[in-house]
Amino acid sequence: MDFILKNVKKKDFPVLKSLAKSLGFEIIKQEKSYNPEFVKEILEAEQSIKDGKGIKMTMEEIRALCK
């Protein structure tokens, strides 16, 4: 059976880890990874802005796009 803890405070983690270890539980830290293509798109967009290829828009222009 898998048991997942979410939103554990850093100060509470050592206590939970010690308890789990004393009970013979296996602790596995699982990192969620992003889709590599999504990451590539974001990094390319970030570089594009740094290269001056972005555009500036006012809030009114942005609101007009949402209508």
PDB file of N, CA and C in Angstrom:
ATOM      1  N   MET A   1       0.846  -1.172   0.000  1.00  0.00           N
ATOM      2  CA  MET A   1       0.000   0.000   0.000  1.00  0.00           C
ATOM      3  C   MET A   1       0.895   1.240   0.000  1.00  0.00           C
ATOM      4  N   ASP A   2       0.525   2.233  -0.801  1.00  0.00           N
ATOM      5  CA  ASP A   2       1.258   3.490  -0.847  1.00  0.00           C
ATOM      6  C   ASP A   2       0.591   4.486   0.081  1.00  0.00           C
ATOM      7  N   PHE A   3       1.408   5.309   0.695  1.00  0.00           N
ATOM      8  CA  PHE A   3       0.919   6.328   1.603  1.00  0.00           C
ATOM      9  C   PHE A   3       1.630   7.618   1.232  1.00  0.00           C
ATOM     10  N   ILE A   4       0.894   8.639   0.866  1.00  0.00           N
ATOM     11  CA  ILE A   4       1.483   9.885   0.400  1.00  0.00           C
ATOM     12  C   ILE A   4       1.132  11.009   1.360  1.00  0.00           C
ATOM     13  N   LEU A   5       2.144  11.754   1.771  1.00  0.00           N
ATOM     14  CA  LEU A   5       1.941  12.927   2.616  1.00  0.00           C
ATOM     15  C   LEU A   5       2.193  14.166   1.771  1.00  0.00           C
ATOM     16  N   LYS A   6       1.280  15.115   1.831  1.00  0.00           N
ATOM     17  CA  LYS A   6       1.455  16.359   1.090  1.00  0.00           C
ATOM     18  C   LYS A   6       1.479  17.517   2.068  1.00  0.00           C
ATOM     19  N   ASN A   7       2.147  18.578   1.667  1.00  0.00           N
ATOM     20  CA  ASN A   7       2.211  19.817   2.445  1.00  0.00           C
ATOM     21  C   ASN A   7       2.746  19.595   3.856  1.00  0.00           C
ATOM     22  N   VAL A   8       3.772  18.776   3.979  1.00  0.00           N
ATOM     23  CA  VAL A   8       4.412  18.545   5.275  1.00  0.00           C
ATOM     24  C   VAL A   8       5.355  19.704   5.545  1.00  0.00           C
ATOM     25  N   LYS A   9       5.235  20.285   6.723  1.00  0.00           N
ATOM     26  CA  LYS A   9       6.117  21.390   7.102  1.00  0.00           C
ATOM     27  C   LYS A   9       7.517  20.844   7.345  1.00  0.00           C
ATOM     28  N   LYS A  10       8.520  21.662   7.011  1.00  0.00           N
ATOM     29  CA  LYS A  10       9.905  21.225   7.153  1.00  0.00           C
ATOM     30  C   LYS A  10      10.217  20.807   8.589  1.00  0.00           C
ATOM     31  N   LYS A  11       9.642  21.521   9.541  1.00  0.00           N
ATOM     32  CA  LYS A  11       9.933  21.216  10.946  1.00  0.00           C
ATOM     33  C   LYS A  11       9.341  19.869  11.368  1.00  0.00           C
ATOM     34  N   ASP A  12       8.285  19.428  10.690  1.00  0.00           N
ATOM     35  CA  ASP A  12       7.634  18.166  11.034  1.00  0.00           C
ATOM     36  C   ASP A  12       8.232  16.966  10.305  1.00  0.00           C
ATOM     37  N   PHE A  13       8.946  17.199   9.228  1.00  0.00           N
ATOM     38  CA  PHE A  13       9.450  16.095   8.415  1.00  0.00           C
ATOM     39  C   PHE A  13      10.395  15.159   9.170  1.00  0.00           C
ATOM     40  N   PRO A  14      11.359  15.680   9.954  1.00  0.00           N
ATOM     41  CA  PRO A  14      12.251  14.753  10.668  1.00  0.00           C
ATOM     42  C   PRO A  14      11.503  13.811  11.621  1.00  0.00           C
ATOM     43  N   VAL A  15      10.457  14.312  12.261  1.00  0.00           N
ATOM     44  CA  VAL A  15       9.667  13.479  13.169  1.00  0.00           C
ATOM     45  C   VAL A  15       8.958  12.377  12.388  1.00  0.00           C
ATOM     46  N   LEU A  16       8.330  12.755  11.268  1.00  0.00           N
ATOM     47  CA  LEU A  16       7.632  11.762  10.447  1.00  0.00           C
ATOM     48  C   LEU A  16       8.604  10.745   9.856  1.00  0.00           C
ATOM     49  N   LYS A  17       9.751  11.220   9.435  1.00  0.00           N
ATOM     50  CA  LYS A  17      10.765  10.336   8.861  1.00  0.00           C
ATOM     51  C   LYS A  17      11.254   9.338   9.906  1.00  0.00           C
ATOM     52  N   SER A  18      11.500   9.809  11.122  1.00  0.00           N
ATOM     53  CA  SER A  18      11.952   8.936  12.205  1.00  0.00           C
ATOM     54  C   SER A  18      10.888   7.899  12.556  1.00  0.00           C
ATOM     55  N   LEU A  19       9.637   8.339  12.627  1.00  0.00           N
ATOM     56  CA  LEU A  19       8.537   7.428  12.928  1.00  0.00           C
ATOM     57  C   LEU A  19       8.409   6.350  11.845  1.00  0.00           C
ATOM     58  N   ALA A  20       8.454   6.778  10.589  1.00  0.00           N
ATOM     59  CA  ALA A  20       8.347   5.834   9.481  1.00  0.00           C
ATOM     60  C   ALA A  20       9.490   4.822   9.516  1.00  0.00           C
ATOM     61  N   LYS A  21      10.691   5.305   9.799  1.00  0.00           N
ATOM     62  CA  LYS A  21      11.853   4.421   9.844  1.00  0.00           C
ATOM     63  C   LYS A  21      11.714   3.409  10.978  1.00  0.00           C
ATOM     64  N   SER A  22      11.240   3.861  12.138  1.00  0.00           N
ATOM     65  CA  SER A  22      11.090   2.945  13.278  1.00  0.00           C
ATOM     66  C   SER A  22      10.012   1.891  13.022  1.00  0.00           C
ATOM     67  N   LEU A  23       9.046   2.215  12.164  1.00  0.00           N
ATOM     68  CA  LEU A  23       7.997   1.260  11.830  1.00  0.00           C
ATOM     69  C   LEU A  23       8.363   0.381  10.634  1.00  0.00           C
ATOM     70  N   GLY A  24       9.532   0.627  10.050  1.00  0.00           N
ATOM     71  CA  GLY A  24      10.010  -0.184   8.945  1.00  0.00           C
ATOM     72  C   GLY A  24       9.461   0.225   7.587  1.00  0.00           C
ATOM     73  N   PHE A  25       8.972   1.449   7.483  1.00  0.00           N
ATOM     74  CA  PHE A  25       8.454   1.936   6.199  1.00  0.00           C
ATOM     75  C   PHE A  25       9.598   2.355   5.298  1.00  0.00           C
ATOM     76  N   GLU A  26       9.385   2.240   4.007  1.00  0.00           N
ATOM     77  CA  GLU A  26      10.350   2.701   3.019  1.00  0.00           C
ATOM     78  C   GLU A  26       9.944   4.110   2.599  1.00  0.00           C
ATOM     79  N   ILE A  27      10.898   5.021   2.608  1.00  0.00           N
ATOM     80  CA  ILE A  27      10.611   6.411   2.233  1.00  0.00           C
ATOM     81  C   ILE A  27      11.183   6.657   0.846  1.00  0.00           C
ATOM     82  N   ILE A  28      10.318   7.080  -0.051  1.00  0.00           N
ATOM     83  CA  ILE A  28      10.729   7.369  -1.424  1.00  0.00           C
ATOM     84  C   ILE A  28      10.357   8.808  -1.726  1.00  0.00           C
ATOM     85  N   LYS A  29      11.345   9.599  -2.096  1.00  0.00           N
ATOM     86  CA  LYS A  29      11.075  10.976  -2.487  1.00  0.00           C
ATOM     87  C   LYS A  29      10.856  10.983  -3.990  1.00  0.00           C
ATOM     88  N   GLN A  30       9.692  11.420  -4.398  1.00  0.00           N
ATOM     89  CA  GLN A  30       9.338  11.390  -5.811  1.00  0.00           C
ATOM     90  C   GLN A  30       9.150  12.814  -6.301  1.00  0.00           C
ATOM     91  N   GLU A  31       9.943  13.203  -7.251  1.00  0.00           N
ATOM     92  CA  GLU A  31       9.852  14.535  -7.844  1.00  0.00           C
ATOM     93  C   GLU A  31       8.973  14.466  -9.084  1.00  0.00           C
ATOM     94  N   LYS A  32       8.107  15.427  -9.215  1.00  0.00           N
ATOM     95  CA  LYS A  32       7.312  15.519 -10.434  1.00  0.00           C
ATOM     96  C   LYS A  32       8.138  16.265 -11.467  1.00  0.00           C
ATOM     97  N   SER A  33       8.143  15.762 -12.671  1.00  0.00           N
ATOM     98  CA  SER A  33       8.895  16.440 -13.713  1.00  0.00           C
ATOM     99  C   SER A  33       7.936  17.018 -14.748  1.00  0.00           C
ATOM    100  N   TYR A  34       8.379  18.092 -15.359  1.00  0.00           N
ATOM    101  CA  TYR A  34       7.577  18.729 -16.391  1.00  0.00           C
ATOM    102  C   TYR A  34       7.851  18.076 -17.743  1.00  0.00           C
ATOM    103  N   ASN A  35       6.906  18.221 -18.632  1.00  0.00           N
ATOM    104  CA  ASN A  35       7.066  17.740 -19.992  1.00  0.00           C
ATOM    105  C   ASN A  35       8.254  18.483 -20.612  1.00  0.00           C
ATOM    106  N   PRO A  36       9.265  17.763 -21.142  1.00  0.00           N
ATOM    107  CA  PRO A  36      10.457  18.413 -21.693  1.00  0.00           C
ATOM    108  C   PRO A  36      10.151  19.413 -22.817  1.00  0.00           C
ATOM    109  N   GLU A  37       9.132  19.130 -23.622  1.00  0.00           N
ATOM    110  CA  GLU A  37       8.778  20.060 -24.699  1.00  0.00           C
ATOM    111  C   GLU A  37       8.227  21.367 -24.123  1.00  0.00           C
ATOM    112  N   PHE A  38       7.443  21.266 -23.051  1.00  0.00           N
ATOM    113  CA  PHE A  38       6.906  22.448 -22.391  1.00  0.00           C
ATOM    114  C   PHE A  38       8.036  23.291 -21.816  1.00  0.00           C
ATOM    115  N   VAL A  39       8.993  22.640 -21.166  1.00  0.00           N
ATOM    116  CA  VAL A  39      10.140  23.345 -20.592  1.00  0.00           C
ATOM    117  C   VAL A  39      10.923  24.054 -21.690  1.00  0.00           C
ATOM    118  N   LYS A  40      11.117  23.373 -22.811  1.00  0.00           N
ATOM    119  CA  LYS A  40      11.857  23.958 -23.937  1.00  0.00           C
ATOM    120  C   LYS A  40      11.151  25.212 -24.446  1.00  0.00           C
ATOM    121  N   GLU A  41       9.828  25.151 -24.580  1.00  0.00           N
ATOM    122  CA  GLU A  41       9.062  26.311 -25.050  1.00  0.00           C
ATOM    123  C   GLU A  41       9.198  27.491 -24.094  1.00  0.00           C
ATOM    124  N   ILE A  42       9.112  27.223 -22.822  1.00  0.00           N
ATOM    125  CA  ILE A  42       9.220  28.289 -21.823  1.00  0.00           C
ATOM    126  C   ILE A  42      10.605  28.925 -21.860  1.00  0.00           C
ATOM    127  N   LEU A  43      11.644  28.103 -21.921  1.00  0.00           N
ATOM    128  CA  LEU A  43      13.008  28.632 -21.960  1.00  0.00           C
ATOM    129  C   LEU A  43      13.257  29.438 -23.235  1.00  0.00           C
ATOM    130  N   GLU A  44      12.724  28.974 -24.360  1.00  0.00           N
ATOM    131  CA  GLU A  44      12.879  29.712 -25.611  1.00  0.00           C
ATOM    132  C   GLU A  44      12.147  31.053 -25.541  1.00  0.00           C
ATOM    133  N   ALA A  45      10.965  31.059 -24.958  1.00  0.00           N
ATOM    134  CA  ALA A  45      10.203  32.311 -24.819  1.00  0.00           C
ATOM    135  C   ALA A  45      10.935  33.278 -23.906  1.00  0.00           C
ATOM    136  N   GLU A  46      11.506  32.760 -22.826  1.00  0.00           N
ATOM    137  CA  GLU A  46      12.263  33.597 -21.900  1.00  0.00           C
ATOM    138  C   GLU A  46      13.465  34.228 -22.605  1.00  0.00           C
ATOM    139  N   GLN A  47      14.173  33.423 -23.414  1.00  0.00           N
ATOM    140  CA  GLN A  47      15.330  33.930 -24.148  1.00  0.00           C
ATOM    141  C   GLN A  47      14.893  34.960 -25.185  1.00  0.00           C
ATOM    142  N   SER A  48      13.769  34.732 -25.822  1.00  0.00           N
ATOM    143  CA  SER A  48      13.235  35.656 -26.808  1.00  0.00           C
ATOM    144  C   SER A  48      12.984  37.029 -26.186  1.00  0.00           C
ATOM    145  N   ILE A  49      12.431  37.032 -24.995  1.00  0.00           N
ATOM    146  CA  ILE A  49      12.183  38.307 -24.303  1.00  0.00           C
ATOM    147  C   ILE A  49      13.495  38.986 -23.966  1.00  0.00           C
ATOM    148  N   LYS A  50      14.482  38.213 -23.503  1.00  0.00           N
ATOM    149  CA  LYS A  50      15.792  38.781 -23.192  1.00  0.00           C
ATOM    150  C   LYS A  50      16.448  39.380 -24.425  1.00  0.00           C
ATOM    151  N   ASP A  51      16.178  38.784 -25.596  1.00  0.00           N
ATOM    152  CA  ASP A  51      16.750  39.270 -26.849  1.00  0.00           C
ATOM    153  C   ASP A  51      15.993  40.474 -27.410  1.00  0.00           C
ATOM    154  N   GLY A  52      14.983  40.935 -26.702  1.00  0.00           N
ATOM    155  CA  GLY A  52      14.236  42.113 -27.129  1.00  0.00           C
ATOM    156  C   GLY A  52      13.160  41.831 -28.155  1.00  0.00           C
ATOM    157  N   LYS A  53      12.747  40.592 -28.293  1.00  0.00           N
ATOM    158  CA  LYS A  53      11.746  40.240 -29.295  1.00  0.00           C
ATOM    159  C   LYS A  53      10.315  40.286 -28.748  1.00  0.00           C
ATOM    160  N   GLY A  54      10.178  40.633 -27.478  1.00  0.00           N
ATOM    161  CA  GLY A  54       8.846  40.707 -26.885  1.00  0.00           C
ATOM    162  C   GLY A  54       8.172  42.027 -27.228  1.00  0.00           C
ATOM    163  N   ILE A  55       6.914  42.126 -26.895  1.00  0.00           N
ATOM    164  CA  ILE A  55       6.186  43.372 -27.104  1.00  0.00           C
ATOM    165  C   ILE A  55       5.578  43.812 -25.777  1.00  0.00           C
ATOM    166  N   LYS A  56       5.370  45.122 -25.647  1.00  0.00           N
ATOM    167  CA  LYS A  56       4.741  45.655 -24.445  1.00  0.00           C
ATOM    168  C   LYS A  56       3.291  45.949 -24.764  1.00  0.00           C
ATOM    169  N   MET A  57       2.433  45.612 -23.802  1.00  0.00           N
ATOM    170  CA  MET A  57       1.006  45.864 -23.971  1.00  0.00           C
ATOM    171  C   MET A  57       0.471  46.540 -22.716  1.00  0.00           C
ATOM    172  N   THR A  58      -0.492  47.412 -22.921  1.00  0.00           N
ATOM    173  CA  THR A  58      -1.149  48.040 -21.788  1.00  0.00           C
ATOM    174  C   THR A  58      -2.232  47.091 -21.275  1.00  0.00           C
ATOM    175  N   MET A  59      -2.719  47.363 -20.077  1.00  0.00           N
ATOM    176  CA  MET A  59      -3.794  46.541 -19.516  1.00  0.00           C
ATOM    177  C   MET A  59      -5.043  46.628 -20.387  1.00  0.00           C
ATOM    178  N   GLU A  60      -5.292  47.780 -20.975  1.00  0.00           N
ATOM    179  CA  GLU A  60      -6.459  47.938 -21.845  1.00  0.00           C
ATOM    180  C   GLU A  60      -6.345  47.027 -23.069  1.00  0.00           C
ATOM    181  N   GLU A  61      -5.147  46.936 -23.640  1.00  0.00           N
ATOM    182  CA  GLU A  61      -4.935  46.058 -24.802  1.00  0.00           C
ATOM    183  C   GLU A  61      -5.132  44.589 -24.408  1.00  0.00           C
ATOM    184  N   ILE A  62      -4.675  44.229 -23.243  1.00  0.00           N
ATOM    185  CA  ILE A  62      -4.848  42.850 -22.774  1.00  0.00           C
ATOM    186  C   ILE A  62      -6.311  42.539 -22.537  1.00  0.00           C
ATOM    187  N   ARG A  63      -7.018  43.485 -21.919  1.00  0.00           N
ATOM    188  CA  ARG A  63      -8.460  43.288 -21.677  1.00  0.00           C
ATOM    189  C   ARG A  63      -9.211  43.153 -22.992  1.00  0.00           C
ATOM    190  N   ALA A  64      -8.803  43.925 -24.004  1.00  0.00           N
ATOM    191  CA  ALA A  64      -9.466  43.861 -25.303  1.00  0.00           C
ATOM    192  C   ALA A  64      -9.288  42.477 -25.940  1.00  0.00           C
ATOM    193  N   LEU A  65      -8.162  41.827 -25.679  1.00  0.00           N
ATOM    194  CA  LEU A  65      -7.925  40.490 -26.218  1.00  0.00           C
ATOM    195  C   LEU A  65      -8.826  39.443 -25.554  1.00  0.00           C
ATOM    196  N   CYS A  66      -9.249  39.714 -24.337  1.00  0.00           N
ATOM    197  CA  CYS A  66     -10.065  38.758 -23.582  1.00  0.00           C
ATOM    198  C   CYS A  66     -11.540  38.824 -23.926  1.00  0.00           C
ATOM    199  N   LYS A  67     -11.949  39.796 -24.711  1.00  0.00           N
ATOM    200  CA  LYS A  67     -13.386  39.961 -25.033  1.00  0.00           C
ATOM    201  C   LYS A  67     -13.784  39.093 -26.201  1.00  0.00           C
TER     202      LYS A  67
END
